[in-house]
Amino acid sequence: MTNLSQDTYSSFKDIWLGFVIWVVVIISLIYFIVGLVALNSVRKISGFWVPFALALIGAIFAFGYGSVCGVLIASIYESGPFLMTQKHLALYACGFSVLYLIVSLTRTATFLF
């Protein structure tokens, strides 16, 4: 199948890459926000680098997690006779990011405090 429009993904590579990018952006943003909260709430930590370091850690973890889950999602969508839109891709990535954050964010926050 070929792309019918710019909003539609049909190839394995497009779906996987889009999913990974969405997951990395969402999780990195949330880790950055957590870093800002940690910087403001814990006065022992000094330095502007904390949110950026957490965002980098989040991006690394999200790339691994997003790659594995992206392979699963892309395989399912490529095997069927349907296309994935940008909206579906973003919703899947948000859902998987929430599941990831529920499992891992408490461990990271506990480590900081």
PDB file of N, CA and C in Angstrom:
ATOM      1  N   MET A   1       0.827  -1.186   0.000  1.00  0.00           N
ATOM      2  CA  MET A   1       0.000   0.000   0.000  1.00  0.00           C
ATOM      3  C   MET A   1       0.867   1.244   0.000  1.00  0.00           C
ATOM      4  N   THR A   2       0.395   2.244  -0.602  1.00  0.00           N
ATOM      5  CA  THR A   2       1.125   3.508  -0.625  1.00  0.00           C
ATOM      6  C   THR A   2       0.389   4.537   0.207  1.00  0.00           C
ATOM      7  N   ASN A   3       1.114   5.582   0.566  1.00  0.00           N
ATOM      8  CA  ASN A   3       0.481   6.648   1.335  1.00  0.00           C
ATOM      9  C   ASN A   3      -0.529   7.377   0.467  1.00  0.00           C
ATOM     10  N   LEU A   4      -1.751   7.517   0.991  1.00  0.00           N
ATOM     11  CA  LEU A   4      -2.797   8.220   0.262  1.00  0.00           C
ATOM     12  C   LEU A   4      -2.723   9.712   0.492  1.00  0.00           C
ATOM     13  N   SER A   5      -2.209  10.103   1.626  1.00  0.00           N
ATOM     14  CA  SER A   5      -2.039  11.525   1.922  1.00  0.00           C
ATOM     15  C   SER A   5      -0.866  11.668   2.880  1.00  0.00           C
ATOM     16  N   GLN A   6      -0.553  12.867   3.248  1.00  0.00           N
ATOM     17  CA  GLN A   6       0.542  13.109   4.176  1.00  0.00           C
ATOM     18  C   GLN A   6       0.184  12.669   5.590  1.00  0.00           C
ATOM     19  N   ASP A   7      -1.098  12.540   5.881  1.00  0.00           N
ATOM     20  CA  ASP A   7      -1.557  12.177   7.218  1.00  0.00           C
ATOM     21  C   ASP A   7      -1.637  10.674   7.442  1.00  0.00           C
ATOM     22  N   THR A   8      -1.396   9.868   6.433  1.00  0.00           N
ATOM     23  CA  THR A   8      -1.606   8.433   6.511  1.00  0.00           C
ATOM     24  C   THR A   8      -0.284   7.690   6.387  1.00  0.00           C
ATOM     25  N   TYR A   9      -0.101   6.687   7.253  1.00  0.00           N
ATOM     26  CA  TYR A   9       1.106   5.868   7.229  1.00  0.00           C
ATOM     27  C   TYR A   9       0.720   4.429   6.919  1.00  0.00           C
ATOM     28  N   SER A  10       1.459   3.788   6.031  1.00  0.00           N
ATOM     29  CA  SER A  10       1.154   2.402   5.703  1.00  0.00           C
ATOM     30  C   SER A  10       2.369   1.496   5.780  1.00  0.00           C
ATOM     31  N   SER A  11       3.567   2.040   5.714  1.00  0.00           N
ATOM     32  CA  SER A  11       4.760   1.188   5.733  1.00  0.00           C
ATOM     33  C   SER A  11       5.230   0.965   7.174  1.00  0.00           C
ATOM     34  N   PHE A  12       5.917  -0.129   7.368  1.00  0.00           N
ATOM     35  CA  PHE A  12       6.443  -0.494   8.680  1.00  0.00           C
ATOM     36  C   PHE A  12       7.369   0.594   9.209  1.00  0.00           C
ATOM     37  N   LYS A  13       8.268   1.069   8.346  1.00  0.00           N
ATOM     38  CA  LYS A  13       9.252   2.069   8.759  1.00  0.00           C
ATOM     39  C   LYS A  13       8.588   3.375   9.189  1.00  0.00           C
ATOM     40  N   ASP A  14       7.586   3.821   8.441  1.00  0.00           N
ATOM     41  CA  ASP A  14       6.907   5.076   8.774  1.00  0.00           C
ATOM     42  C   ASP A  14       6.172   4.978  10.106  1.00  0.00           C
ATOM     43  N   ILE A  15       5.476   3.874  10.311  1.00  0.00           N
ATOM     44  CA  ILE A  15       4.725   3.702  11.556  1.00  0.00           C
ATOM     45  C   ILE A  15       5.682   3.591  12.732  1.00  0.00           C
ATOM     46  N   TRP A  16       6.734   2.783  12.578  1.00  0.00           N
ATOM     47  CA  TRP A  16       7.691   2.605  13.665  1.00  0.00           C
ATOM     48  C   TRP A  16       8.368   3.923  14.014  1.00  0.00           C
ATOM     49  N   LEU A  17       8.856   4.634  13.000  1.00  0.00           N
ATOM     50  CA  LEU A  17       9.553   5.892  13.246  1.00  0.00           C
ATOM     51  C   LEU A  17       8.633   6.934  13.874  1.00  0.00           C
ATOM     52  N   GLY A  18       7.426   7.062  13.365  1.00  0.00           N
ATOM     53  CA  GLY A  18       6.480   8.017  13.937  1.00  0.00           C
ATOM     54  C   GLY A  18       6.154   7.700  15.388  1.00  0.00           C
ATOM     55  N   PHE A  19       5.968   6.417  15.683  1.00  0.00           N
ATOM     56  CA  PHE A  19       5.661   6.006  17.050  1.00  0.00           C
ATOM     57  C   PHE A  19       6.831   6.313  17.981  1.00  0.00           C
ATOM     58  N   VAL A  20       8.034   5.981  17.553  1.00  0.00           N
ATOM     59  CA  VAL A  20       9.216   6.221  18.393  1.00  0.00           C
ATOM     60  C   VAL A  20       9.398   7.713  18.641  1.00  0.00           C
ATOM     61  N   ILE A  21       9.235   8.523  17.621  1.00  0.00           N
ATOM     62  CA  ILE A  21       9.403   9.976  17.797  1.00  0.00           C
ATOM     63  C   ILE A  21       8.369  10.522  18.779  1.00  0.00           C
ATOM     64  N   TRP A  22       7.117  10.117  18.624  1.00  0.00           N
ATOM     65  CA  TRP A  22       6.078  10.583  19.542  1.00  0.00           C
ATOM     66  C   TRP A  22       6.374  10.163  20.978  1.00  0.00           C
ATOM     67  N   VAL A  23       6.764   8.910  21.182  1.00  0.00           N
ATOM     68  CA  VAL A  23       7.043   8.424  22.535  1.00  0.00           C
ATOM     69  C   VAL A  23       8.241   9.160  23.141  1.00  0.00           C
ATOM     70  N   VAL A  24       9.297   9.354  22.381  1.00  0.00           N
ATOM     71  CA  VAL A  24      10.480  10.048  22.893  1.00  0.00           C
ATOM     72  C   VAL A  24      10.137  11.491  23.270  1.00  0.00           C
ATOM     73  N   VAL A  25       9.378  12.166  22.447  1.00  0.00           N
ATOM     74  CA  VAL A  25       9.017  13.562  22.748  1.00  0.00           C
ATOM     75  C   VAL A  25       8.138  13.643  23.995  1.00  0.00           C
ATOM     76  N   ILE A  26       7.134  12.794  24.091  1.00  0.00           N
ATOM     77  CA  ILE A  26       6.214  12.851  25.231  1.00  0.00           C
ATOM     78  C   ILE A  26       6.932  12.520  26.530  1.00  0.00           C
ATOM     79  N   ILE A  27       7.686  11.429  26.539  1.00  0.00           N
ATOM     80  CA  ILE A  27       8.346  11.012  27.775  1.00  0.00           C
ATOM     81  C   ILE A  27       9.462  11.988  28.156  1.00  0.00           C
ATOM     82  N   SER A  28      10.214  12.502  27.194  1.00  0.00           N
ATOM     83  CA  SER A  28      11.259  13.483  27.509  1.00  0.00           C
ATOM     84  C   SER A  28      10.661  14.751  28.100  1.00  0.00           C
ATOM     85  N   LEU A  29       9.551  15.183  27.553  1.00  0.00           N
ATOM     86  CA  LEU A  29       8.882  16.383  28.078  1.00  0.00           C
ATOM     87  C   LEU A  29       8.429  16.164  29.517  1.00  0.00           C
ATOM     88  N   ILE A  30       7.875  15.020  29.800  1.00  0.00           N
ATOM     89  CA  ILE A  30       7.414  14.756  31.161  1.00  0.00           C
ATOM     90  C   ILE A  30       8.596  14.623  32.121  1.00  0.00           C
ATOM     91  N   TYR A  31       9.660  13.980  31.686  1.00  0.00           N
ATOM     92  CA  TYR A  31      10.849  13.893  32.537  1.00  0.00           C
ATOM     93  C   TYR A  31      11.442  15.282  32.775  1.00  0.00           C
ATOM     94  N   PHE A  32      11.402  16.161  31.776  1.00  0.00           N
ATOM     95  CA  PHE A  32      11.886  17.526  31.952  1.00  0.00           C
ATOM     96  C   PHE A  32      11.047  18.264  32.998  1.00  0.00           C
ATOM     97  N   ILE A  33       9.734  18.090  32.933  1.00  0.00           N
ATOM     98  CA  ILE A  33       8.846  18.728  33.916  1.00  0.00           C
ATOM     99  C   ILE A  33       9.121  18.199  35.314  1.00  0.00           C
ATOM    100  N   VAL A  34       9.341  16.893  35.422  1.00  0.00           N
ATOM    101  CA  VAL A  34       9.689  16.308  36.720  1.00  0.00           C
ATOM    102  C   VAL A  34      11.005  16.890  37.234  1.00  0.00           C
ATOM    103  N   GLY A  35      11.955  17.108  36.345  1.00  0.00           N
ATOM    104  CA  GLY A  35      13.216  17.728  36.742  1.00  0.00           C
ATOM    105  C   GLY A  35      13.028  19.146  37.253  1.00  0.00           C
ATOM    106  N   LEU A  36      12.134  19.905  36.617  1.00  0.00           N
ATOM    107  CA  LEU A  36      11.838  21.258  37.099  1.00  0.00           C
ATOM    108  C   LEU A  36      11.186  21.223  38.476  1.00  0.00           C
ATOM    109  N   VAL A  37      10.270  20.292  38.668  1.00  0.00           N
ATOM    110  CA  VAL A  37       9.615  20.152  39.971  1.00  0.00           C
ATOM    111  C   VAL A  37      10.644  19.762  41.032  1.00  0.00           C
ATOM    112  N   ALA A  38      11.525  18.820  40.707  1.00  0.00           N
ATOM    113  CA  ALA A  38      12.561  18.409  41.658  1.00  0.00           C
ATOM    114  C   ALA A  38      13.500  19.563  41.975  1.00  0.00           C
ATOM    115  N   LEU A  39      13.833  20.348  40.985  1.00  0.00           N
ATOM    116  CA  LEU A  39      14.730  21.483  41.190  1.00  0.00           C
ATOM    117  C   LEU A  39      14.097  22.524  42.105  1.00  0.00           C
ATOM    118  N   ASN A  40      12.802  22.736  41.954  1.00  0.00           N
ATOM    119  CA  ASN A  40      12.117  23.747  42.767  1.00  0.00           C
ATOM    120  C   ASN A  40      11.740  23.239  44.149  1.00  0.00           C
ATOM    121  N   SER A  41      11.495  21.954  44.295  1.00  0.00           N
ATOM    122  CA  SER A  41      11.030  21.460  45.590  1.00  0.00           C
ATOM    123  C   SER A  41      12.157  21.000  46.509  1.00  0.00           C
ATOM    124  N   VAL A  42      13.252  20.573  45.948  1.00  0.00           N
ATOM    125  CA  VAL A  42      14.373  20.112  46.758  1.00  0.00           C
ATOM    126  C   VAL A  42      15.478  21.152  46.653  1.00  0.00           C
ATOM    127  N   ARG A  43      15.740  21.826  47.723  1.00  0.00           N
ATOM    128  CA  ARG A  43      16.722  22.910  47.703  1.00  0.00           C
ATOM    129  C   ARG A  43      18.161  22.394  47.745  1.00  0.00           C
ATOM    130  N   LYS A  44      18.340  21.105  48.035  1.00  0.00           N
ATOM    131  CA  LYS A  44      19.686  20.542  48.069  1.00  0.00           C
ATOM    132  C   LYS A  44      20.295  20.461  46.675  1.00  0.00           C
ATOM    133  N   ILE A  45      19.438  20.347  45.671  1.00  0.00           N
ATOM    134  CA  ILE A  45      19.901  20.230  44.297  1.00  0.00           C
ATOM    135  C   ILE A  45      20.129  21.628  43.738  1.00  0.00           C
ATOM    136  N   SER A  46      21.333  21.886  43.292  1.00  0.00           N
ATOM    137  CA  SER A  46      21.600  23.188  42.683  1.00  0.00           C
ATOM    138  C   SER A  46      22.104  22.959  41.264  1.00  0.00           C
ATOM    139  N   GLY A  47      21.625  23.736  40.377  1.00  0.00           N
ATOM    140  CA  GLY A  47      22.073  23.629  38.995  1.00  0.00           C
ATOM    141  C   GLY A  47      20.910  23.509  38.038  1.00  0.00           C
ATOM    142  N   PHE A  48      21.077  24.142  36.917  1.00  0.00           N
ATOM    143  CA  PHE A  48      20.028  24.119  35.897  1.00  0.00           C
ATOM    144  C   PHE A  48      20.060  22.824  35.095  1.00  0.00           C
ATOM    145  N   TRP A  49      21.078  22.001  35.280  1.00  0.00           N
ATOM    146  CA  TRP A  49      21.281  20.795  34.482  1.00  0.00           C
ATOM    147  C   TRP A  49      20.329  19.662  34.837  1.00  0.00           C
ATOM    148  N   VAL A  50      19.685  19.694  35.997  1.00  0.00           N
ATOM    149  CA  VAL A  50      18.845  18.579  36.455  1.00  0.00           C
ATOM    150  C   VAL A  50      17.700  18.276  35.488  1.00  0.00           C
ATOM    151  N   PRO A  51      16.905  19.261  35.065  1.00  0.00           N
ATOM    152  CA  PRO A  51      15.828  18.932  34.121  1.00  0.00           C
ATOM    153  C   PRO A  51      16.335  18.388  32.790  1.00  0.00           C
ATOM    154  N   PHE A  52      17.455  18.920  32.325  1.00  0.00           N
ATOM    155  CA  PHE A  52      18.011  18.455  31.051  1.00  0.00           C
ATOM    156  C   PHE A  52      18.573  17.046  31.166  1.00  0.00           C
ATOM    157  N   ALA A  53      19.195  16.754  32.309  1.00  0.00           N
ATOM    158  CA  ALA A  53      19.720  15.404  32.528  1.00  0.00           C
ATOM    159  C   ALA A  53      18.575  14.396  32.595  1.00  0.00           C
ATOM    160  N   LEU A  54      17.509  14.748  33.287  1.00  0.00           N
ATOM    161  CA  LEU A  54      16.359  13.846  33.352  1.00  0.00           C
ATOM    162  C   LEU A  54      15.697  13.689  31.992  1.00  0.00           C
ATOM    163  N   ALA A  55      15.631  14.759  31.219  1.00  0.00           N
ATOM    164  CA  ALA A  55      15.047  14.651  29.875  1.00  0.00           C
ATOM    165  C   ALA A  55      15.890  13.738  28.989  1.00  0.00           C
ATOM    166  N   LEU A  56      17.200  13.800  29.127  1.00  0.00           N
ATOM    167  CA  LEU A  56      18.075  12.919  28.364  1.00  0.00           C
ATOM    168  C   LEU A  56      17.899  11.460  28.793  1.00  0.00           C
ATOM    169  N   ILE A  57      17.813  11.225  30.088  1.00  0.00           N
ATOM    170  CA  ILE A  57      17.571   9.878  30.585  1.00  0.00           C
ATOM    171  C   ILE A  57      16.227   9.370  30.085  1.00  0.00           C
ATOM    172  N   GLY A  58      15.221  10.218  30.143  1.00  0.00           N
ATOM    173  CA  GLY A  58      13.904   9.835  29.637  1.00  0.00           C
ATOM    174  C   GLY A  58      13.921   9.533  28.155  1.00  0.00           C
ATOM    175  N   ALA A  59      14.681  10.296  27.381  1.00  0.00           N
ATOM    176  CA  ALA A  59      14.760  10.055  25.933  1.00  0.00           C
ATOM    177  C   ALA A  59      15.429   8.725  25.629  1.00  0.00           C
ATOM    178  N   ILE A  60      16.460   8.380  26.397  1.00  0.00           N
ATOM    179  CA  ILE A  60      17.138   7.099  26.180  1.00  0.00           C
ATOM    180  C   ILE A  60      16.213   5.939  26.494  1.00  0.00           C
ATOM    181  N   PHE A  61      15.541   6.010  27.641  1.00  0.00           N
ATOM    182  CA  PHE A  61      14.605   4.944  28.002  1.00  0.00           C
ATOM    183  C   PHE A  61      13.445   4.881  27.018  1.00  0.00           C
ATOM    184  N   ALA A  62      12.952   6.036  26.614  1.00  0.00           N
ATOM    185  CA  ALA A  62      11.808   6.078  25.702  1.00  0.00           C
ATOM    186  C   ALA A  62      12.167   5.521  24.334  1.00  0.00           C
ATOM    187  N   PHE A  63      13.393   5.723  23.899  1.00  0.00           N
ATOM    188  CA  PHE A  63      13.799   5.173  22.609  1.00  0.00           C
ATOM    189  C   PHE A  63      13.773   3.651  22.634  1.00  0.00           C
ATOM    190  N   GLY A  64      14.285   3.069  23.695  1.00  0.00           N
ATOM    191  CA  GLY A  64      14.250   1.612  23.812  1.00  0.00           C
ATOM    192  C   GLY A  64      12.835   1.079  23.918  1.00  0.00           C
ATOM    193  N   TYR A  65      12.050   1.682  24.780  1.00  0.00           N
ATOM    194  CA  TYR A  65      10.664   1.265  24.969  1.00  0.00           C
ATOM    195  C   TYR A  65       9.835   1.519  23.714  1.00  0.00           C
ATOM    196  N   GLY A  66      10.010   2.675  23.121  1.00  0.00           N
ATOM    197  CA  GLY A  66       9.258   3.012  21.913  1.00  0.00           C
ATOM    198  C   GLY A  66       9.637   2.149  20.726  1.00  0.00           C
ATOM    199  N   SER A  67      10.892   1.746  20.663  1.00  0.00           N
ATOM    200  CA  SER A  67      11.325   0.879  19.563  1.00  0.00           C
ATOM    201  C   SER A  67      10.640  -0.480  19.632  1.00  0.00           C
ATOM    202  N   VAL A  68      10.633  -1.074  20.803  1.00  0.00           N
ATOM    203  CA  VAL A  68      10.013  -2.390  20.958  1.00  0.00           C
ATOM    204  C   VAL A  68       8.507  -2.317  20.719  1.00  0.00           C
ATOM    205  N   CYS A  69       7.854  -1.363  21.351  1.00  0.00           N
ATOM    206  CA  CYS A  69       6.399  -1.232  21.175  1.00  0.00           C
ATOM    207  C   CYS A  69       6.062  -0.776  19.762  1.00  0.00           C
ATOM    208  N   GLY A  70       6.908   0.042  19.159  1.00  0.00           N
ATOM    209  CA  GLY A  70       6.683   0.484  17.785  1.00  0.00           C
ATOM    210  C   GLY A  70       6.750  -0.664  16.796  1.00  0.00           C
ATOM    211  N   VAL A  71       7.654  -1.618  17.041  1.00  0.00           N
ATOM    212  CA  VAL A  71       7.720  -2.807  16.186  1.00  0.00           C
ATOM    213  C   VAL A  71       6.419  -3.586  16.269  1.00  0.00           C
ATOM    214  N   LEU A  72       5.889  -3.721  17.473  1.00  0.00           N
ATOM    215  CA  LEU A  72       4.624  -4.451  17.638  1.00  0.00           C
ATOM    216  C   LEU A  72       3.467  -3.739  16.939  1.00  0.00           C
ATOM    217  N   ILE A  73       3.350  -2.448  17.154  1.00  0.00           N
ATOM    218  CA  ILE A  73       2.265  -1.685  16.538  1.00  0.00           C
ATOM    219  C   ILE A  73       2.405  -1.680  15.020  1.00  0.00           C
ATOM    220  N   ALA A  74       3.603  -1.457  14.531  1.00  0.00           N
ATOM    221  CA  ALA A  74       3.819  -1.410  13.076  1.00  0.00           C
ATOM    222  C   ALA A  74       3.546  -2.768  12.439  1.00  0.00           C
ATOM    223  N   SER A  75       3.917  -3.852  13.104  1.00  0.00           N
ATOM    224  CA  SER A  75       3.660  -5.191  12.562  1.00  0.00           C
ATOM    225  C   SER A  75       2.170  -5.462  12.460  1.00  0.00           C
ATOM    226  N   ILE A  76       1.440  -5.074  13.475  1.00  0.00           N
ATOM    227  CA  ILE A  76      -0.009  -5.288  13.463  1.00  0.00           C
ATOM    228  C   ILE A  76      -0.656  -4.475  12.350  1.00  0.00           C
ATOM    229  N   TYR A  77      -0.284  -3.207  12.239  1.00  0.00           N
ATOM    230  CA  TYR A  77      -0.903  -2.361  11.217  1.00  0.00           C
ATOM    231  C   TYR A  77      -0.473  -2.732   9.811  1.00  0.00           C
ATOM    232  N   GLU A  78       0.755  -3.195   9.654  1.00  0.00           N
ATOM    233  CA  GLU A  78       1.216  -3.556   8.311  1.00  0.00           C
ATOM    234  C   GLU A  78       0.595  -4.866   7.840  1.00  0.00           C
ATOM    235  N   SER A  79       0.282  -5.763   8.761  1.00  0.00           N
ATOM    236  CA  SER A  79      -0.278  -7.056   8.368  1.00  0.00           C
ATOM    237  C   SER A  79      -1.744  -6.952   7.971  1.00  0.00           C
ATOM    238  N   GLY A  80      -2.439  -5.916   8.395  1.00  0.00           N
ATOM    239  CA  GLY A  80      -3.850  -5.753   8.063  1.00  0.00           C
ATOM    240  C   GLY A  80      -4.060  -4.846   6.876  1.00  0.00           C
ATOM    241  N   PRO A  81      -5.277  -4.812   6.373  1.00  0.00           N
ATOM    242  CA  PRO A  81      -5.572  -3.984   5.200  1.00  0.00           C
ATOM    243  C   PRO A  81      -5.983  -2.552   5.558  1.00  0.00           C
ATOM    244  N   PHE A  82      -5.378  -1.981   6.573  1.00  0.00           N
ATOM    245  CA  PHE A  82      -5.766  -0.643   7.004  1.00  0.00           C
ATOM    246  C   PHE A  82      -4.547   0.240   7.173  1.00  0.00           C
ATOM    247  N   LEU A  83      -4.781   1.524   7.205  1.00  0.00           N
ATOM    248  CA  LEU A  83      -3.726   2.522   7.328  1.00  0.00           C
ATOM    249  C   LEU A  83      -3.796   3.184   8.695  1.00  0.00           C
ATOM    250  N   MET A  84      -2.686   3.731   9.126  1.00  0.00           N
ATOM    251  CA  MET A  84      -2.647   4.457  10.390  1.00  0.00           C
ATOM    252  C   MET A  84      -2.548   5.944  10.096  1.00  0.00           C
ATOM    253  N   THR A  85      -3.384   6.722  10.744  1.00  0.00           N
ATOM    254  CA  THR A  85      -3.327   8.170  10.581  1.00  0.00           C
ATOM    255  C   THR A  85      -2.426   8.770  11.652  1.00  0.00           C
ATOM    256  N   GLN A  86      -2.084  10.014  11.468  1.00  0.00           N
ATOM    257  CA  GLN A  86      -1.245  10.719  12.440  1.00  0.00           C
ATOM    258  C   GLN A  86      -1.932  10.788  13.800  1.00  0.00           C
ATOM    259  N   LYS A  87      -3.244  10.954  13.802  1.00  0.00           N
ATOM    260  CA  LYS A  87      -3.985  11.029  15.063  1.00  0.00           C
ATOM    261  C   LYS A  87      -3.927   9.699  15.809  1.00  0.00           C
ATOM    262  N   HIS A  88      -4.099   8.583  15.093  1.00  0.00           N
ATOM    263  CA  HIS A  88      -4.008   7.271  15.731  1.00  0.00           C
ATOM    264  C   HIS A  88      -2.605   7.028  16.288  1.00  0.00           C
ATOM    265  N   LEU A  89      -1.622   7.439  15.535  1.00  0.00           N
ATOM    266  CA  LEU A  89      -0.236   7.270  15.965  1.00  0.00           C
ATOM    267  C   LEU A  89       0.032   8.048  17.250  1.00  0.00           C
ATOM    268  N   ALA A  90      -0.447   9.276  17.313  1.00  0.00           N
ATOM    269  CA  ALA A  90      -0.262  10.098  18.508  1.00  0.00           C
ATOM    270  C   ALA A  90      -1.008   9.519  19.702  1.00  0.00           C
ATOM    271  N   LEU A  91      -2.212   9.008  19.485  1.00  0.00           N
ATOM    272  CA  LEU A  91      -2.983   8.420  20.582  1.00  0.00           C
ATOM    273  C   LEU A  91      -2.327   7.146  21.105  1.00  0.00           C
ATOM    274  N   TYR A  92      -1.855   6.298  20.209  1.00  0.00           N
ATOM    275  CA  TYR A  92      -1.125   5.105  20.643  1.00  0.00           C
ATOM    276  C   TYR A  92       0.109   5.488  21.451  1.00  0.00           C
ATOM    277  N   ALA A  93       0.851   6.457  20.966  1.00  0.00           N
ATOM    278  CA  ALA A  93       2.067   6.875  21.664  1.00  0.00           C
ATOM    279  C   ALA A  93       1.743   7.463  23.038  1.00  0.00           C
ATOM    280  N   CYS A  94       0.680   8.248  23.134  1.00  0.00           N
ATOM    281  CA  CYS A  94       0.282   8.800  24.436  1.00  0.00           C
ATOM    282  C   CYS A  94      -0.115   7.686  25.397  1.00  0.00           C
ATOM    283  N   GLY A  95      -0.868   6.730  24.915  1.00  0.00           N
ATOM    284  CA  GLY A  95      -1.281   5.609  25.760  1.00  0.00           C
ATOM    285  C   GLY A  95      -0.102   4.793  26.244  1.00  0.00           C
ATOM    286  N   PHE A  96       0.811   4.464  25.355  1.00  0.00           N
ATOM    287  CA  PHE A  96       1.985   3.705  25.747  1.00  0.00           C
ATOM    288  C   PHE A  96       2.891   4.519  26.659  1.00  0.00           C
ATOM    289  N   SER A  97       2.966   5.826  26.444  1.00  0.00           N
ATOM    290  CA  SER A  97       3.776   6.676  27.319  1.00  0.00           C
ATOM    291  C   SER A  97       3.203   6.717  28.725  1.00  0.00           C
ATOM    292  N   VAL A  98       1.895   6.790  28.840  1.00  0.00           N
ATOM    293  CA  VAL A  98       1.262   6.781  30.161  1.00  0.00           C
ATOM    294  C   VAL A  98       1.550   5.465  30.881  1.00  0.00           C
ATOM    295  N   LEU A  99       1.448   4.356  30.171  1.00  0.00           N
ATOM    296  CA  LEU A  99       1.759   3.068  30.791  1.00  0.00           C
ATOM    297  C   LEU A  99       3.215   3.010  31.248  1.00  0.00           C
ATOM    298  N   TYR A 100       4.104   3.495  30.417  1.00  0.00           N
ATOM    299  CA  TYR A 100       5.528   3.519  30.782  1.00  0.00           C
ATOM    300  C   TYR A 100       5.762   4.393  32.010  1.00  0.00           C
ATOM    301  N   LEU A 101       5.158   5.565  32.033  1.00  0.00           N
ATOM    302  CA  LEU A 101       5.384   6.492  33.133  1.00  0.00           C
ATOM    303  C   LEU A 101       4.799   5.986  34.439  1.00  0.00           C
ATOM    304  N   ILE A 102       3.692   5.291  34.390  1.00  0.00           N
ATOM    305  CA  ILE A 102       3.117   4.725  35.609  1.00  0.00           C
ATOM    306  C   ILE A 102       4.095   3.740  36.240  1.00  0.00           C
ATOM    307  N   VAL A 103       4.755   2.964  35.409  1.00  0.00           N
ATOM    308  CA  VAL A 103       5.683   1.959  35.916  1.00  0.00           C
ATOM    309  C   VAL A 103       7.001   2.575  36.368  1.00  0.00           C
ATOM    310  N   SER A 104       7.548   3.523  35.618  1.00  0.00           N
ATOM    311  CA  SER A 104       8.919   3.962  35.871  1.00  0.00           C
ATOM    312  C   SER A 104       9.070   5.287  36.595  1.00  0.00           C
ATOM    313  N   LEU A 105       8.111   6.168  36.531  1.00  0.00           N
ATOM    314  CA  LEU A 105       8.303   7.505  37.079  1.00  0.00           C
ATOM    315  C   LEU A 105       8.452   7.483  38.590  1.00  0.00           C
ATOM    316  N   THR A 106       7.756   6.589  39.257  1.00  0.00           N
ATOM    317  CA  THR A 106       7.874   6.532  40.712  1.00  0.00           C
ATOM    318  C   THR A 106       9.271   6.097  41.130  1.00  0.00           C
ATOM    319  N   ARG A 107       9.898   5.219  40.354  1.00  0.00           N
ATOM    320  CA  ARG A 107      11.268   4.800  40.675  1.00  0.00           C
ATOM    321  C   ARG A 107      12.250   5.956  40.516  1.00  0.00           C
ATOM    322  N   THR A 108      12.096   6.741  39.467  1.00  0.00           N
ATOM    323  CA  THR A 108      13.000   7.876  39.229  1.00  0.00           C
ATOM    324  C   THR A 108      12.817   8.938  40.294  1.00  0.00           C
ATOM    325  N   ALA A 109      11.583   9.250  40.639  1.00  0.00           N
ATOM    326  CA  ALA A 109      11.323  10.261  41.667  1.00  0.00           C
ATOM    327  C   ALA A 109      11.848   9.802  43.021  1.00  0.00           C
ATOM    328  N   THR A 110      11.726   8.531  43.339  1.00  0.00           N
ATOM    329  CA  THR A 110      12.234   8.004  44.596  1.00  0.00           C
ATOM    330  C   THR A 110      13.748   8.102  44.634  1.00  0.00           C
ATOM    331  N   PHE A 111      14.395   7.860  43.509  1.00  0.00           N
ATOM    332  CA  PHE A 111      15.857   7.940  43.440  1.00  0.00           C
ATOM    333  C   PHE A 111      16.337   9.363  43.703  1.00  0.00           C
ATOM    334  N   LEU A 112      15.618  10.374  43.213  1.00  0.00           N
ATOM    335  CA  LEU A 112      16.040  11.761  43.400  1.00  0.00           C
ATOM    336  C   LEU A 112      15.902  12.220  44.855  1.00  0.00           C
ATOM    337  N   PHE A 113      14.866  11.748  45.505  1.00  0.00           N
ATOM    338  CA  PHE A 113      14.620  12.233  46.863  1.00  0.00           C
ATOM    339  C   PHE A 113      15.219  11.267  47.849  1.00  0.00           C
TER     340      PHE A 113
END
